[in-house]
Structures are given as C-alpha cells and as structure tokens.
Amino acid sequence: MTTSTEAEYLLQLYITGATPNSMRAVRNLKDICEEHLAGRYELLIIDIYQQPDLASQEQIIAAPTLIRARPLPRRQLVGDLSNRAAVLISLGVPQSGTAN
C-alpha cells in the first residue's frame, strides 16, 4: 500500500452515500488508477453526508467531485468519471496508445 509521503498523486473523491452515480464514480476511478497510476496514488473517498465539514472546506457544490490535490496545480472534475479521456486529462496522465 502506498503512503501519502510516497504517493505521486493525491486524489480526493467526494460522493453522496451509496447512490448509483457515486458508486459508478468510485468504480471508474479505481479502474483508471489501477490501470494508469498503480503504486503511485493515494485515493481518499469522502462521503459528504458523513463528513459535511470537509465538503464545505473544499467548497464542493456537486457530487461526485474528484479533486487532484497532488501534483500541483490542483484540478477538479465533476461527474461519474465515465469519460476516461477527460479523467486522464484532468489527472494529467499521458494518453499514449489510447484511441481519440
């Protein structure tokens, strides 16, 4: 398991409980991370119902929302993360060998 001091990518996924959209976002992001960032990321999944203060601090107004906190610059993406190309661009992951 990667610790936060070793992780090149620090990702925070804000979800709303076990809704279908939230669960789809979690599954999509985990698949993308394991395929493209294996061993180089730390993923924090934050339920805004259970931790509303964190969502307020980050000014989350829609869920699911993905925040790439590291590496800088910070990036944010809203949605179920089913558009893999958009997620990879948001994460700053090179897409060599993928279809356009």
N, C-alpha and C. Protein backbone atom coordinates (compact mmCIF):
# COMPACT_ATOMS: atom_id res chain seq x y z
N MET A 1 0.85 -1.19 0.00
CA MET A 1 0.00 0.00 0.00
C MET A 1 0.88 1.24 0.00
N THR A 2 0.49 2.24 -0.77
CA THR A 2 1.26 3.46 -0.90
C THR A 2 0.90 4.42 0.23
N THR A 3 1.89 5.00 0.87
CA THR A 3 1.62 6.00 1.90
C THR A 3 1.61 7.37 1.26
N SER A 4 1.03 8.34 1.96
CA SER A 4 0.89 9.68 1.39
C SER A 4 2.25 10.33 1.09
N THR A 5 3.31 9.95 1.82
CA THR A 5 4.62 10.54 1.55
C THR A 5 5.22 9.97 0.27
N GLU A 6 4.78 8.79 -0.16
CA GLU A 6 5.29 8.17 -1.36
C GLU A 6 4.43 8.45 -2.58
N ALA A 7 3.16 8.74 -2.38
CA ALA A 7 2.21 8.86 -3.48
C ALA A 7 2.48 10.10 -4.32
N GLU A 8 2.64 9.87 -5.61
CA GLU A 8 2.82 10.96 -6.55
C GLU A 8 1.51 11.72 -6.75
N TYR A 9 0.40 10.96 -6.73
CA TYR A 9 -0.93 11.54 -6.91
C TYR A 9 -1.72 11.41 -5.62
N LEU A 10 -2.32 12.51 -5.18
CA LEU A 10 -3.24 12.50 -4.05
C LEU A 10 -4.59 12.90 -4.60
N LEU A 11 -5.54 11.97 -4.55
CA LEU A 11 -6.86 12.17 -5.11
C LEU A 11 -7.91 12.11 -4.02
N GLN A 12 -8.87 13.02 -4.10
CA GLN A 12 -9.99 13.05 -3.16
C GLN A 12 -11.26 12.96 -3.98
N LEU A 13 -12.06 11.93 -3.72
CA LEU A 13 -13.33 11.76 -4.41
C LEU A 13 -14.46 12.00 -3.43
N TYR A 14 -15.23 13.04 -3.67
CA TYR A 14 -16.37 13.39 -2.82
C TYR A 14 -17.61 12.76 -3.43
N ILE A 15 -18.31 11.94 -2.62
CA ILE A 15 -19.50 11.23 -3.09
C ILE A 15 -20.67 11.52 -2.15
N THR A 16 -21.86 11.09 -2.58
CA THR A 16 -23.07 11.24 -1.77
C THR A 16 -23.62 9.86 -1.44
N GLY A 17 -23.07 9.26 -0.42
CA GLY A 17 -23.55 7.95 0.02
C GLY A 17 -23.33 6.88 -1.02
N ALA A 18 -24.21 5.87 -1.01
CA ALA A 18 -24.09 4.72 -1.91
C ALA A 18 -25.02 4.85 -3.11
N THR A 19 -25.19 6.06 -3.62
CA THR A 19 -26.04 6.28 -4.78
C THR A 19 -25.39 5.63 -6.01
N PRO A 20 -26.20 5.27 -7.01
CA PRO A 20 -25.62 4.66 -8.22
C PRO A 20 -24.54 5.53 -8.86
N ASN A 21 -24.75 6.84 -8.93
CA ASN A 21 -23.76 7.75 -9.53
C ASN A 21 -22.46 7.73 -8.74
N SER A 22 -22.56 7.75 -7.43
CA SER A 22 -21.38 7.74 -6.58
C SER A 22 -20.62 6.42 -6.71
N MET A 23 -21.33 5.32 -6.70
CA MET A 23 -20.68 4.02 -6.80
C MET A 23 -20.02 3.84 -8.17
N ARG A 24 -20.67 4.36 -9.21
CA ARG A 24 -20.09 4.31 -10.56
C ARG A 24 -18.79 5.12 -10.60
N ALA A 25 -18.79 6.30 -9.97
CA ALA A 25 -17.60 7.15 -9.93
C ALA A 25 -16.46 6.45 -9.21
N VAL A 26 -16.75 5.80 -8.08
CA VAL A 26 -15.73 5.08 -7.32
C VAL A 26 -15.14 3.96 -8.18
N ARG A 27 -16.01 3.17 -8.80
CA ARG A 27 -15.55 2.05 -9.62
C ARG A 27 -14.72 2.54 -10.81
N ASN A 28 -15.22 3.58 -11.50
CA ASN A 28 -14.50 4.12 -12.65
C ASN A 28 -13.12 4.65 -12.25
N LEU A 29 -13.06 5.39 -11.16
CA LEU A 29 -11.79 5.98 -10.72
C LEU A 29 -10.81 4.90 -10.28
N LYS A 30 -11.28 3.92 -9.54
CA LYS A 30 -10.38 2.84 -9.11
C LYS A 30 -9.81 2.09 -10.31
N ASP A 31 -10.66 1.82 -11.31
CA ASP A 31 -10.20 1.15 -12.52
C ASP A 31 -9.13 1.97 -13.23
N ILE A 32 -9.38 3.26 -13.39
CA ILE A 32 -8.44 4.16 -14.07
C ILE A 32 -7.12 4.23 -13.29
N CYS A 33 -7.21 4.39 -11.99
CA CYS A 33 -6.00 4.50 -11.16
C CYS A 33 -5.17 3.23 -11.22
N GLU A 34 -5.81 2.07 -11.13
CA GLU A 34 -5.06 0.82 -11.16
C GLU A 34 -4.43 0.59 -12.52
N GLU A 35 -5.09 1.04 -13.57
CA GLU A 35 -4.55 0.85 -14.91
C GLU A 35 -3.42 1.82 -15.23
N HIS A 36 -3.55 3.09 -14.78
CA HIS A 36 -2.60 4.12 -15.20
C HIS A 36 -1.68 4.65 -14.10
N LEU A 37 -2.06 4.46 -12.83
CA LEU A 37 -1.28 5.04 -11.73
C LEU A 37 -0.91 4.01 -10.66
N ALA A 38 -0.93 2.76 -10.99
CA ALA A 38 -0.70 1.70 -9.99
C ALA A 38 0.56 1.98 -9.18
N GLY A 39 0.40 1.99 -7.85
CA GLY A 39 1.52 2.20 -6.94
C GLY A 39 1.96 3.64 -6.79
N ARG A 40 1.29 4.57 -7.49
CA ARG A 40 1.72 5.97 -7.45
C ARG A 40 0.63 6.91 -6.94
N TYR A 41 -0.44 6.37 -6.35
CA TYR A 41 -1.54 7.24 -5.94
C TYR A 41 -2.07 6.88 -4.56
N GLU A 42 -2.68 7.88 -3.96
CA GLU A 42 -3.45 7.69 -2.73
C GLU A 42 -4.83 8.24 -3.01
N LEU A 43 -5.85 7.44 -2.76
CA LEU A 43 -7.23 7.82 -3.03
C LEU A 43 -8.00 7.91 -1.72
N LEU A 44 -8.57 9.08 -1.48
CA LEU A 44 -9.44 9.29 -0.32
C LEU A 44 -10.86 9.42 -0.83
N ILE A 45 -11.76 8.58 -0.33
CA ILE A 45 -13.16 8.67 -0.71
C ILE A 45 -13.90 9.29 0.46
N ILE A 46 -14.53 10.43 0.20
CA ILE A 46 -15.17 11.21 1.26
C ILE A 46 -16.66 11.31 0.97
N ASP A 47 -17.47 10.78 1.89
CA ASP A 47 -18.92 10.86 1.77
C ASP A 47 -19.35 12.19 2.38
N ILE A 48 -19.92 13.06 1.56
CA ILE A 48 -20.26 14.40 2.07
C ILE A 48 -21.40 14.35 3.09
N TYR A 49 -22.16 13.26 3.13
CA TYR A 49 -23.18 13.12 4.16
C TYR A 49 -22.53 12.83 5.51
N GLN A 50 -21.44 12.07 5.50
CA GLN A 50 -20.76 11.70 6.75
C GLN A 50 -19.74 12.74 7.19
N GLN A 51 -19.18 13.49 6.23
CA GLN A 51 -18.16 14.50 6.55
C GLN A 51 -18.49 15.83 5.86
N PRO A 52 -19.59 16.46 6.24
CA PRO A 52 -20.00 17.70 5.57
C PRO A 52 -19.00 18.84 5.75
N ASP A 53 -18.25 18.84 6.84
CA ASP A 53 -17.27 19.91 7.07
C ASP A 53 -16.16 19.88 6.01
N LEU A 54 -15.71 18.68 5.64
CA LEU A 54 -14.68 18.57 4.60
C LEU A 54 -15.20 19.08 3.26
N ALA A 55 -16.42 18.71 2.94
CA ALA A 55 -17.03 19.17 1.69
C ALA A 55 -17.18 20.69 1.70
N SER A 56 -17.53 21.23 2.82
CA SER A 56 -17.67 22.69 2.94
C SER A 56 -16.32 23.37 2.79
N GLN A 57 -15.28 22.84 3.43
CA GLN A 57 -13.93 23.41 3.32
C GLN A 57 -13.46 23.44 1.86
N GLU A 58 -13.78 22.39 1.11
CA GLU A 58 -13.34 22.28 -0.29
C GLU A 58 -14.32 22.95 -1.24
N GLN A 59 -15.39 23.51 -0.69
CA GLN A 59 -16.43 24.19 -1.48
C GLN A 59 -17.03 23.27 -2.54
N ILE A 60 -17.35 22.05 -2.13
CA ILE A 60 -17.97 21.07 -3.02
C ILE A 60 -19.44 21.42 -3.16
N ILE A 61 -19.88 21.65 -4.40
CA ILE A 61 -21.28 22.01 -4.62
C ILE A 61 -22.02 20.95 -5.44
N ALA A 62 -21.30 19.96 -5.94
CA ALA A 62 -21.90 18.87 -6.69
C ALA A 62 -21.11 17.59 -6.39
N ALA A 63 -21.80 16.47 -6.52
CA ALA A 63 -21.12 15.20 -6.28
C ALA A 63 -21.62 14.19 -7.30
N PRO A 64 -20.76 13.28 -7.72
CA PRO A 64 -19.38 13.10 -7.31
C PRO A 64 -18.46 14.18 -7.88
N THR A 65 -17.46 14.56 -7.06
CA THR A 65 -16.43 15.51 -7.46
C THR A 65 -15.07 14.90 -7.14
N LEU A 66 -14.19 14.90 -8.13
CA LEU A 66 -12.82 14.43 -7.95
C LEU A 66 -11.89 15.63 -7.87
N ILE A 67 -11.04 15.64 -6.84
CA ILE A 67 -10.02 16.68 -6.70
C ILE A 67 -8.66 16.00 -6.78
N ARG A 68 -7.83 16.50 -7.67
CA ARG A 68 -6.43 16.07 -7.70
C ARG A 68 -5.67 17.11 -6.90
N ALA A 69 -5.31 16.75 -5.66
CA ALA A 69 -4.61 17.67 -4.78
C ALA A 69 -3.11 17.69 -5.06
N ARG A 70 -2.59 16.58 -5.54
CA ARG A 70 -1.18 16.47 -5.87
C ARG A 70 -1.06 15.57 -7.08
N PRO A 71 -0.22 15.87 -8.03
CA PRO A 71 0.71 17.00 -8.08
C PRO A 71 -0.03 18.30 -8.42
N LEU A 72 0.60 19.40 -8.05
CA LEU A 72 0.04 20.71 -8.36
C LEU A 72 0.20 20.97 -9.85
N PRO A 73 -0.64 21.77 -10.50
CA PRO A 73 -1.73 22.52 -9.90
C PRO A 73 -2.92 21.61 -9.58
N ARG A 74 -3.66 22.02 -8.62
CA ARG A 74 -4.85 21.30 -8.19
C ARG A 74 -5.88 21.33 -9.32
N ARG A 75 -6.54 20.21 -9.52
CA ARG A 75 -7.58 20.11 -10.55
C ARG A 75 -8.82 19.48 -9.96
N GLN A 76 -9.96 19.81 -10.58
CA GLN A 76 -11.24 19.33 -10.08
C GLN A 76 -12.09 18.87 -11.26
N LEU A 77 -12.81 17.77 -11.09
CA LEU A 77 -13.67 17.21 -12.13
C LEU A 77 -14.95 16.72 -11.48
N VAL A 78 -16.08 17.07 -12.08
CA VAL A 78 -17.39 16.68 -11.54
C VAL A 78 -18.03 15.66 -12.47
N GLY A 79 -18.66 14.64 -11.89
CA GLY A 79 -19.38 13.64 -12.67
C GLY A 79 -19.04 12.24 -12.23
N ASP A 80 -19.58 11.25 -12.96
CA ASP A 80 -19.37 9.85 -12.57
C ASP A 80 -18.06 9.27 -13.10
N LEU A 81 -17.25 10.11 -13.75
CA LEU A 81 -15.91 9.75 -14.22
C LEU A 81 -15.94 8.64 -15.27
N SER A 82 -17.04 8.55 -16.01
CA SER A 82 -17.15 7.52 -17.05
C SER A 82 -16.43 7.92 -18.33
N ASN A 83 -16.14 9.21 -18.51
CA ASN A 83 -15.37 9.66 -19.68
C ASN A 83 -13.89 9.53 -19.32
N ARG A 84 -13.32 8.38 -19.65
CA ARG A 84 -11.94 8.08 -19.26
C ARG A 84 -10.95 9.11 -19.79
N ALA A 85 -11.14 9.55 -21.02
CA ALA A 85 -10.22 10.53 -21.61
C ALA A 85 -10.23 11.82 -20.80
N ALA A 86 -11.40 12.28 -20.39
CA ALA A 86 -11.49 13.51 -19.60
C ALA A 86 -10.85 13.33 -18.23
N VAL A 87 -11.02 12.15 -17.63
CA VAL A 87 -10.41 11.89 -16.32
C VAL A 87 -8.89 11.87 -16.45
N LEU A 88 -8.38 11.20 -17.47
CA LEU A 88 -6.93 11.13 -17.66
C LEU A 88 -6.35 12.52 -17.91
N ILE A 89 -7.04 13.35 -18.69
CA ILE A 89 -6.59 14.73 -18.92
C ILE A 89 -6.59 15.49 -17.60
N SER A 90 -7.66 15.36 -16.83
CA SER A 90 -7.76 16.06 -15.55
C SER A 90 -6.66 15.61 -14.59
N LEU A 91 -6.33 14.33 -14.62
CA LEU A 91 -5.27 13.82 -13.75
C LEU A 91 -3.89 14.16 -14.26
N GLY A 92 -3.81 14.56 -15.55
CA GLY A 92 -2.51 14.87 -16.13
C GLY A 92 -1.73 13.63 -16.52
N VAL A 93 -2.45 12.55 -16.84
CA VAL A 93 -1.82 11.29 -17.20
C VAL A 93 -1.67 11.24 -18.73
N PRO A 94 -0.47 10.97 -19.23
CA PRO A 94 -0.28 10.86 -20.68
C PRO A 94 -1.17 9.75 -21.25
N GLN A 95 -1.71 10.00 -22.43
CA GLN A 95 -2.66 9.05 -23.02
C GLN A 95 -2.10 8.35 -24.25
N SER A 96 -0.82 8.15 -24.31
CA SER A 96 -0.23 7.49 -25.48
C SER A 96 -0.84 6.10 -25.64
N GLY A 97 -1.13 5.79 -26.90
CA GLY A 97 -1.66 4.48 -27.19
C GLY A 97 -3.16 4.35 -27.01
N THR A 98 -3.86 5.43 -26.62
CA THR A 98 -5.32 5.35 -26.50
C THR A 98 -5.96 5.92 -27.74
N ALA A 99 -7.15 5.46 -28.03
CA ALA A 99 -7.88 5.95 -29.20
C ALA A 99 -8.42 7.34 -28.94
N ASN A 100 -8.53 8.14 -30.01
CA ASN A 100 -9.03 9.51 -29.85
C ASN A 100 -10.50 9.55 -29.87
